[in-house]
Protein backbone atom coordinates (compact mmCIF):
# COMPACT_ATOMS: atom_id res chain seq x y z
CA MET A 1 -16.47 -14.77 -12.44
CA LEU A 2 -17.03 -11.70 -10.25
CA PHE A 3 -16.22 -9.25 -13.01
CA ASP A 4 -18.73 -10.83 -15.37
CA ASP A 5 -21.50 -10.25 -12.83
CA TYR A 6 -20.53 -6.64 -12.17
CA ASN A 7 -20.26 -4.99 -15.56
CA PRO A 8 -19.19 -1.35 -14.99
CA LEU A 9 -21.41 -0.22 -17.85
CA GLU A 10 -24.44 -1.33 -15.87
CA LYS A 11 -23.57 0.83 -12.85
CA LYS A 12 -23.93 -2.19 -10.57
CA GLN A 13 -21.96 -1.65 -7.39
CA LEU A 14 -20.42 -4.49 -5.40
CA GLN A 15 -21.46 -4.39 -1.74
CA ILE A 16 -21.27 -7.05 0.97
CA LEU A 17 -21.83 -4.95 4.12
CA ASP A 18 -24.51 -2.30 4.30
CA PRO A 19 -23.99 0.91 6.37
CA ASP A 20 -25.38 -0.91 9.42
CA GLY A 21 -22.72 -3.60 9.20
CA LYS A 22 -25.16 -6.27 8.04
CA VAL A 23 -24.19 -8.79 5.38
CA VAL A 24 -26.34 -8.18 2.33
CA ASN A 25 -24.51 -10.57 -0.03
CA LYS A 26 -23.90 -13.75 1.92
CA ASP A 27 -22.62 -15.65 -1.12
CA LEU A 28 -19.70 -13.23 -1.49
CA GLU A 29 -18.82 -12.81 2.19
CA PRO A 30 -15.11 -13.74 2.32
CA LYS A 31 -13.76 -16.33 4.72
CA ILE A 32 -11.26 -14.15 6.57
CA ASP A 33 -9.76 -15.43 9.81
CA ASP A 34 -10.54 -13.57 13.02
CA GLU A 35 -6.99 -12.34 13.49
CA THR A 36 -6.98 -10.66 10.08
CA LEU A 37 -10.43 -9.14 10.61
CA LEU A 38 -9.28 -7.58 13.87
CA LYS A 39 -6.07 -6.33 12.26
CA MET A 40 -8.10 -4.67 9.53
CA TYR A 41 -10.29 -2.90 12.06
CA LYS A 42 -7.39 -1.82 14.28
CA ILE A 43 -5.45 -0.39 11.34
CA MET A 44 -8.52 1.53 10.22
CA ARG A 45 -8.83 2.99 13.72
CA LEU A 46 -5.12 3.80 13.94
CA SER A 47 -5.24 5.51 10.56
CA ARG A 48 -8.26 7.62 11.53
CA MET A 49 -6.86 8.61 14.91
CA SER A 50 -3.40 9.44 13.58
CA ASP A 51 -4.98 11.55 10.83
CA GLU A 52 -7.18 13.43 13.30
CA LYS A 53 -4.23 14.18 15.52
CA ALA A 54 -2.05 15.21 12.57
CA LEU A 55 -4.68 17.77 11.62
CA GLN A 56 -4.40 19.22 15.12
CA TYR A 57 -0.62 19.29 14.96
CA GLN A 58 -0.72 21.04 11.60
CA ARG A 59 -3.17 23.67 12.87
CA GLN A 60 -0.79 24.28 15.78
CA GLY A 61 2.05 24.91 13.34
CA ARG A 62 3.86 21.74 14.36
CA MET A 63 3.46 19.83 11.06
CA LEU A 64 3.53 20.80 7.40
CA THR A 65 0.72 20.49 4.84
CA PHE A 66 -1.01 17.14 5.34
CA ALA A 67 -3.47 15.05 3.29
CA PRO A 68 -5.83 13.12 5.59
CA ALA A 69 -7.45 9.83 4.54
CA MET A 70 -10.42 10.10 6.90
CA GLY A 71 -13.42 8.26 5.46
CA GLN A 72 -11.37 6.24 2.98
CA GLU A 73 -9.93 3.63 5.33
CA ALA A 74 -11.94 0.67 3.99
CA ALA A 75 -10.90 1.41 0.40
CA GLN A 76 -7.29 1.03 1.54
CA VAL A 77 -7.33 -1.68 4.20
CA GLY A 78 -9.49 -4.13 2.23
CA PRO A 79 -7.04 -4.35 -0.70
CA MET A 80 -3.99 -4.52 1.56
CA ALA A 81 -5.51 -7.42 3.52
CA ALA A 82 -6.16 -9.21 0.21
CA SER A 83 -2.60 -8.74 -1.00
CA GLU A 84 0.58 -10.58 -0.06
CA GLU A 85 3.78 -9.34 1.57
CA LYS A 86 5.65 -9.62 -1.74
CA ASP A 87 3.15 -7.36 -3.52
CA TRP A 88 3.94 -3.67 -3.98
CA LEU A 89 1.87 -0.78 -2.69
CA VAL A 90 2.14 2.16 -5.05
CA GLN A 91 0.55 5.12 -3.29
CA ALA A 92 -0.38 8.64 -4.23
CA PHE A 93 -0.42 10.83 -1.11
CA ARG A 94 -3.62 9.93 0.79
CA GLU A 95 -3.00 6.28 1.62
CA THR A 96 -2.38 6.41 5.39
CA ALA A 97 -4.35 3.25 6.17
CA ALA A 98 -2.80 1.27 3.31
CA LEU A 99 0.70 2.24 4.44
CA LEU A 100 0.04 1.28 8.05
CA TYR A 101 -1.34 -2.10 7.01
CA LYS A 102 1.66 -2.69 4.76
CA GLY A 103 4.06 -2.13 7.66
CA VAL A 104 4.94 1.56 7.52
CA THR A 105 4.94 3.00 11.03
CA VAL A 106 3.07 6.04 12.32
CA GLU A 107 6.45 7.57 13.09
CA GLN A 108 7.65 7.18 9.49
CA ASN A 109 4.40 8.62 8.15
CA TYR A 110 4.57 11.56 10.53
CA LEU A 111 8.22 12.19 9.73
CA TYR A 112 7.35 12.63 6.07
CA TRP A 113 4.58 15.16 6.71
CA TYR A 114 6.78 16.83 9.30
CA GLY A 115 9.26 17.57 6.51
CA ASN A 116 11.90 15.03 7.46
CA GLU A 117 13.09 13.01 4.47
CA ARG A 118 13.73 10.01 6.68
CA GLY A 119 9.98 9.45 6.57
CA SER A 120 10.35 8.29 2.98
CA ARG A 121 12.64 5.40 3.97
CA TYR A 122 10.67 2.37 5.08
CA ASP A 123 11.94 -0.74 6.80
CA ASP A 124 13.48 -3.57 4.79
CA GLY A 125 10.81 -5.92 3.47
CA VAL A 126 8.09 -3.26 3.36
CA ASN A 127 7.23 -3.18 -0.33
CA ALA A 128 5.75 0.29 -0.55
CA LEU A 129 6.78 3.29 -2.60
CA PRO A 130 7.13 6.72 -0.94
CA VAL A 131 4.52 9.46 -1.24
CA ASN A 132 3.96 10.45 -4.90
CA VAL A 133 2.70 14.01 -5.31
CA PRO A 134 2.82 14.44 -9.15
CA ILE A 135 -0.72 13.36 -10.00
CA GLY A 136 -1.01 10.15 -12.02
CA SER A 137 2.68 9.34 -12.36
CA GLN A 138 2.35 6.54 -9.80
CA PHE A 139 0.34 4.52 -12.34
CA SER A 140 3.33 4.48 -14.67
CA HIS A 141 5.51 3.44 -11.74
CA ALA A 142 3.09 0.63 -10.88
CA ALA A 143 3.11 -0.64 -14.46
CA GLY A 144 6.90 -0.61 -14.41
CA ILE A 145 7.05 -2.49 -11.12
CA ALA A 146 4.60 -5.08 -12.46
CA TYR A 147 6.66 -5.44 -15.62
CA ALA A 148 9.80 -6.01 -13.56
CA ALA A 149 8.04 -8.52 -11.27
CA ARG A 150 6.93 -10.57 -14.24
CA TYR A 151 10.38 -10.35 -15.86
CA LYS A 152 12.04 -11.51 -12.62
CA LYS A 153 9.32 -14.12 -12.01
CA THR A 154 8.84 -13.02 -8.40
CA GLY A 155 5.10 -13.74 -8.43
CA ALA A 156 4.45 -10.25 -7.04
CA ALA A 157 1.81 -7.82 -8.21
CA ALA A 158 1.46 -4.06 -7.80
CA VAL A 159 -1.54 -2.39 -6.18
CA ALA A 160 -1.75 1.27 -7.14
CA TYR A 161 -4.00 4.09 -5.95
CA ILE A 162 -5.23 7.27 -7.56
CA GLY A 163 -8.01 9.75 -6.84
CA ASP A 164 -11.00 10.45 -9.09
CA GLY A 165 -9.37 13.69 -10.24
CA GLY A 166 -6.25 11.78 -11.17
CA THR A 167 -8.14 9.93 -13.89
CA SER A 168 -8.14 13.19 -15.86
CA HIS A 169 -4.34 13.18 -16.04
CA GLY A 170 -2.37 11.75 -18.93
CA GLU A 171 -0.33 9.30 -16.91
CA PHE A 172 -3.49 7.55 -15.77
CA HIS A 173 -4.03 6.61 -19.41
CA GLU A 174 -0.39 5.79 -20.04
CA GLY A 175 -0.07 3.53 -17.01
CA VAL A 176 -3.30 1.62 -17.56
CA ASN A 177 -2.81 1.34 -21.30
CA PHE A 178 0.76 0.03 -20.97
CA ALA A 179 -0.33 -2.50 -18.33
CA GLY A 180 -3.26 -3.62 -20.45
CA THR A 181 -1.33 -4.09 -23.67
CA ASN A 182 1.34 -6.08 -21.81
CA ASP A 183 -0.97 -8.10 -19.54
CA LEU A 184 0.91 -6.91 -16.45
CA PRO A 185 0.14 -8.07 -12.89
CA VAL A 186 -1.21 -4.83 -11.47
CA VAL A 187 -4.43 -3.72 -9.76
CA PHE A 188 -5.39 -0.09 -10.31
CA ILE A 189 -7.67 1.39 -7.64
CA ILE A 190 -9.49 4.68 -8.11
CA GLN A 191 -10.54 6.20 -4.81
CA ASN A 192 -13.58 8.10 -5.95
CA ASN A 193 -14.01 10.41 -2.98
CA HIS A 194 -16.18 12.76 -5.07
CA TYR A 195 -13.81 15.74 -5.23
CA ALA A 196 -10.54 16.60 -6.97
CA ILE A 197 -9.65 19.32 -4.46
CA SER A 198 -12.75 21.52 -5.05
CA THR A 199 -13.84 20.09 -8.41
CA PRO A 200 -16.78 17.70 -8.02
CA ARG A 201 -16.75 14.31 -9.70
CA ALA A 202 -19.54 15.32 -12.11
CA ALA A 203 -17.38 18.11 -13.55
CA GLN A 204 -14.42 15.83 -14.28
CA THR A 205 -15.83 13.36 -16.81
CA ARG A 206 -19.00 12.51 -18.75
CA ALA A 207 -18.51 8.81 -17.98
CA ALA A 208 -21.33 7.37 -15.87
CA THR A 209 -18.76 5.50 -13.75
CA LEU A 210 -15.01 5.67 -13.46
CA ALA A 211 -14.83 1.89 -13.54
CA GLN A 212 -16.13 1.86 -17.10
CA LYS A 213 -12.95 3.55 -18.27
CA ALA A 214 -11.52 0.03 -18.13
CA VAL A 215 -13.57 -0.89 -21.20
CA ALA A 216 -11.44 1.34 -23.42
CA TYR A 217 -8.30 -0.47 -22.30
CA GLY A 218 -9.75 -3.94 -22.80
CA ILE A 219 -9.44 -4.90 -19.14
CA PRO A 220 -12.01 -5.75 -16.44
CA GLY A 221 -13.43 -2.91 -14.38
CA ILE A 222 -15.72 -2.96 -11.37
CA GLN A 223 -17.40 -0.35 -9.20
CA VAL A 224 -17.28 -1.19 -5.48
CA ASP A 225 -18.72 0.32 -2.31
CA GLY A 226 -15.45 1.80 -1.13
CA ASN A 227 -16.72 2.12 2.45
CA ASP A 228 -17.18 -1.66 2.63
CA PRO A 229 -13.87 -3.34 3.57
CA LEU A 230 -15.18 -6.81 2.71
CA ALA A 231 -16.28 -5.77 -0.78
CA MET A 232 -12.90 -4.15 -1.38
CA TYR A 233 -11.20 -7.29 -0.11
CA VAL A 234 -13.19 -9.55 -2.45
CA ALA A 235 -12.73 -7.34 -5.53
CA THR A 236 -8.98 -7.04 -4.95
CA SER A 237 -8.60 -10.77 -4.23
CA GLU A 238 -10.21 -11.57 -7.56
CA ALA A 239 -8.08 -8.97 -9.35
CA LEU A 240 -4.88 -10.29 -7.80
CA LYS A 241 -5.83 -13.83 -8.76
CA ARG A 242 -6.17 -12.70 -12.37
CA ALA A 243 -2.84 -10.86 -12.13
CA ARG A 244 -0.97 -13.90 -10.80
CA ASN A 245 -2.53 -16.11 -13.47
CA GLY A 246 -1.09 -13.92 -16.20
CA GLU A 247 -4.48 -12.45 -17.12
CA GLY A 248 -3.40 -8.84 -16.78
CA PRO A 249 -4.56 -5.75 -14.89
CA THR A 250 -7.89 -4.80 -13.34
CA LEU A 251 -9.42 -1.40 -12.64
CA ILE A 252 -11.42 -0.98 -9.41
CA GLU A 253 -13.45 2.11 -8.62
CA ALA A 254 -13.90 2.47 -4.87
CA VAL A 255 -16.85 4.79 -4.26
CA THR A 256 -16.06 6.51 -1.00
CA TYR A 257 -15.96 10.02 0.49
CA ARG A 258 -13.31 12.37 1.79
CA MET A 259 -14.58 13.39 5.22
CA GLY A 260 -11.87 16.00 5.76
CA PRO A 261 -10.13 18.57 3.57
CA HIS A 262 -8.17 17.74 0.45
CA THR A 263 -5.13 18.89 2.37
CA THR A 264 -4.69 21.16 5.35
CA SER A 265 -4.40 24.04 2.86
CA ASP A 266 -7.98 23.43 1.73
CA ASP A 267 -11.31 24.65 3.14
CA PRO A 268 -14.00 22.19 1.96
CA THR A 269 -16.82 24.34 3.40
CA LEU A 270 -16.35 26.63 0.40
CA TYR A 271 -17.48 24.03 -2.12
CA ARG A 272 -19.66 21.43 -0.38
CA GLU A 273 -22.62 21.50 1.94
CA ASP A 274 -22.54 20.26 5.53
CA SER A 275 -25.63 18.20 4.79
CA GLU A 276 -23.67 16.20 2.19
CA VAL A 277 -20.93 15.45 4.71
CA GLU A 278 -23.52 14.41 7.30
CA GLU A 279 -25.12 11.95 4.88
CA TRP A 280 -21.78 10.32 4.12
CA ALA A 281 -20.95 10.20 7.83
CA LYS A 282 -23.80 7.73 8.17
CA LYS A 283 -21.83 5.42 5.86
CA ASP A 284 -18.62 5.69 7.90
CA PRO A 285 -16.50 2.61 7.07
CA ILE A 286 -15.16 2.28 10.62
CA GLU A 287 -18.58 2.31 12.23
CA ARG A 288 -19.79 -0.17 9.64
CA PHE A 289 -16.96 -2.59 10.28
CA ASN A 290 -17.27 -2.15 14.05
CA LYS A 291 -20.89 -3.33 13.91
CA TYR A 292 -19.94 -6.28 11.71
CA LEU A 293 -17.28 -7.41 14.16
CA ALA A 294 -19.65 -6.92 17.09
CA ASN A 295 -22.22 -9.10 15.37
CA LYS A 296 -19.56 -11.80 15.04
CA LYS A 297 -18.76 -11.45 18.78
CA LEU A 298 -15.23 -10.35 17.95
CA TRP A 299 -15.47 -6.80 19.29
CA ASN A 300 -17.28 -4.77 21.94
CA LYS A 301 -17.42 -1.36 23.54
CA ASP A 302 -14.85 -2.17 26.24
CA LYS A 303 -12.31 -3.34 23.68
CA ASP A 304 -12.94 -0.24 21.61
CA GLU A 305 -12.39 2.08 24.55
CA ALA A 306 -9.19 0.27 25.49
CA LEU A 307 -7.92 0.54 21.91
CA THR A 308 -8.70 4.26 21.80
CA LYS A 309 -6.78 4.83 25.03
CA GLU A 310 -3.83 2.84 23.74
CA TYR A 311 -3.67 4.63 20.40
CA LYS A 312 -3.99 8.09 21.97
CA LYS A 313 -0.93 7.39 24.08
CA THR A 314 0.99 5.82 21.19
CA ILE A 315 0.30 8.70 18.82
CA LYS A 316 1.18 11.35 21.40
CA ASN A 317 4.49 9.67 22.25
CA THR A 318 5.27 9.08 18.59
CA PHE A 319 4.90 12.73 17.68
CA LYS A 320 7.09 13.78 20.61
CA LYS A 321 9.76 11.51 19.11
CA VAL A 322 9.23 13.03 15.67
CA GLU A 323 9.61 16.58 16.99
CA ALA A 324 12.81 15.59 18.75
CA SER A 325 14.25 13.84 15.70
CA GLU A 326 17.45 15.02 14.05
CA HIS A 327 17.35 16.71 10.67
CA PRO A 328 18.33 14.46 7.77
CA THR A 329 21.84 14.75 6.43
CA VAL A 330 22.62 16.15 3.00
CA ASP A 331 23.34 12.59 1.85
CA GLU A 332 19.90 11.44 2.96
CA VAL A 333 18.19 14.29 1.13
CA PHE A 334 19.96 13.67 -2.17
CA ASP A 335 21.06 10.04 -2.35
CA PHE A 336 17.80 8.09 -2.27
CA THR A 337 15.81 9.37 -5.23
CA TYR A 338 17.77 7.51 -7.90
CA GLU A 339 20.10 4.52 -7.74
CA SER A 340 22.91 6.91 -8.69
CA LEU A 341 22.85 10.71 -8.61
CA THR A 342 21.95 12.52 -11.83
CA PRO A 343 24.37 15.26 -12.92
CA GLU A 344 21.91 17.96 -11.84
CA LEU A 345 21.37 16.43 -8.39
CA LYS A 346 25.13 15.95 -8.00
CA ARG A 347 25.65 19.65 -8.76
CA GLN A 348 22.96 20.70 -6.29
CA LYS A 349 24.39 18.46 -3.58
CA GLU A 350 27.88 19.87 -4.04
CA GLU A 351 26.51 23.41 -3.86
CA ARG A 352 24.67 22.60 -0.64
CA LEU A 353 27.77 21.07 0.93
CA ARG A 354 29.79 24.18 0.00
CA ASP A 355 27.12 26.40 1.58
CA ILE A 356 27.33 24.40 4.79
CA GLU A 357 31.13 24.56 4.86
CA GLU A 358 31.09 28.33 4.30
CA SER A 359 28.48 28.82 7.00
CA GLU A 360 30.46 26.76 9.49
CA ALA A 361 33.67 28.61 8.61
CA LYS A 362 32.07 31.90 9.64
């Protein structure tokens, strides 16, 4: 069993690809078909390029506050590739690559950060929850989804994300504890990108690893090289296998790095050194995976240049469409948070409709 060999208390990190894209653990290298490997890489590239462009749009005043996932693509794409279409993605707010792999479009992602509520409505069959800003509450949602999946016998599991800072919030405990005591089919992934906004990981907890927090809940935990998509794939595959077998939840700590700001309202130069960023840039998950695919004769420089050209055009045209999009209706703003409107939301909606009627009457 993978989790027996990687005890989180021993600070032993699962890695299959080193920063040079070389396989360092041949026994654990997953048998992933070429089509899926290429999809993983292309989604990682699309996520990175759409994030980079979104930063530019935001700086130009054309997009609202935005949380880029640059540097964390492998921690997101690996688990999504290991999951099934019926499984649920329960995001926080920095899961661009995971969303794109799951089937959310660049347009829908941009619409959300543009301030258009239509960006929170995904296509039918895309089992992903909208952006969740209240820190930690998504773990309670994931536990609830997993409980419902087991009750309905759908065979689905939930894959939920949180940042290292989120592990200091109460709902992290509540979600993991509830899932553990009820043996729910859920995989909890901590993206340890080393900073909770400006607070470094070392100032958040005395625990040697975040994965070892699983011990207190009586569930398996594992620390993984979060910049290694194959290691993340393997760890999540094993966790999902446990979940589907009725063995309960798993906690995965993906050790990665946030290459950009926490959000576009943040200036990371105030709390971290450029030298630190440069060291982590050498471990870039996209460069690592690119070299791996090149070694397998699946990718080359010409293909990469063609993909870059294609994505630049796609992203540019997509944002033009977003800027030209109609504003959501009052119904769209209010009607899709709960199955039925709460009394307070009903009151607010009626007030807004009256304001519109009065404005139009003038």
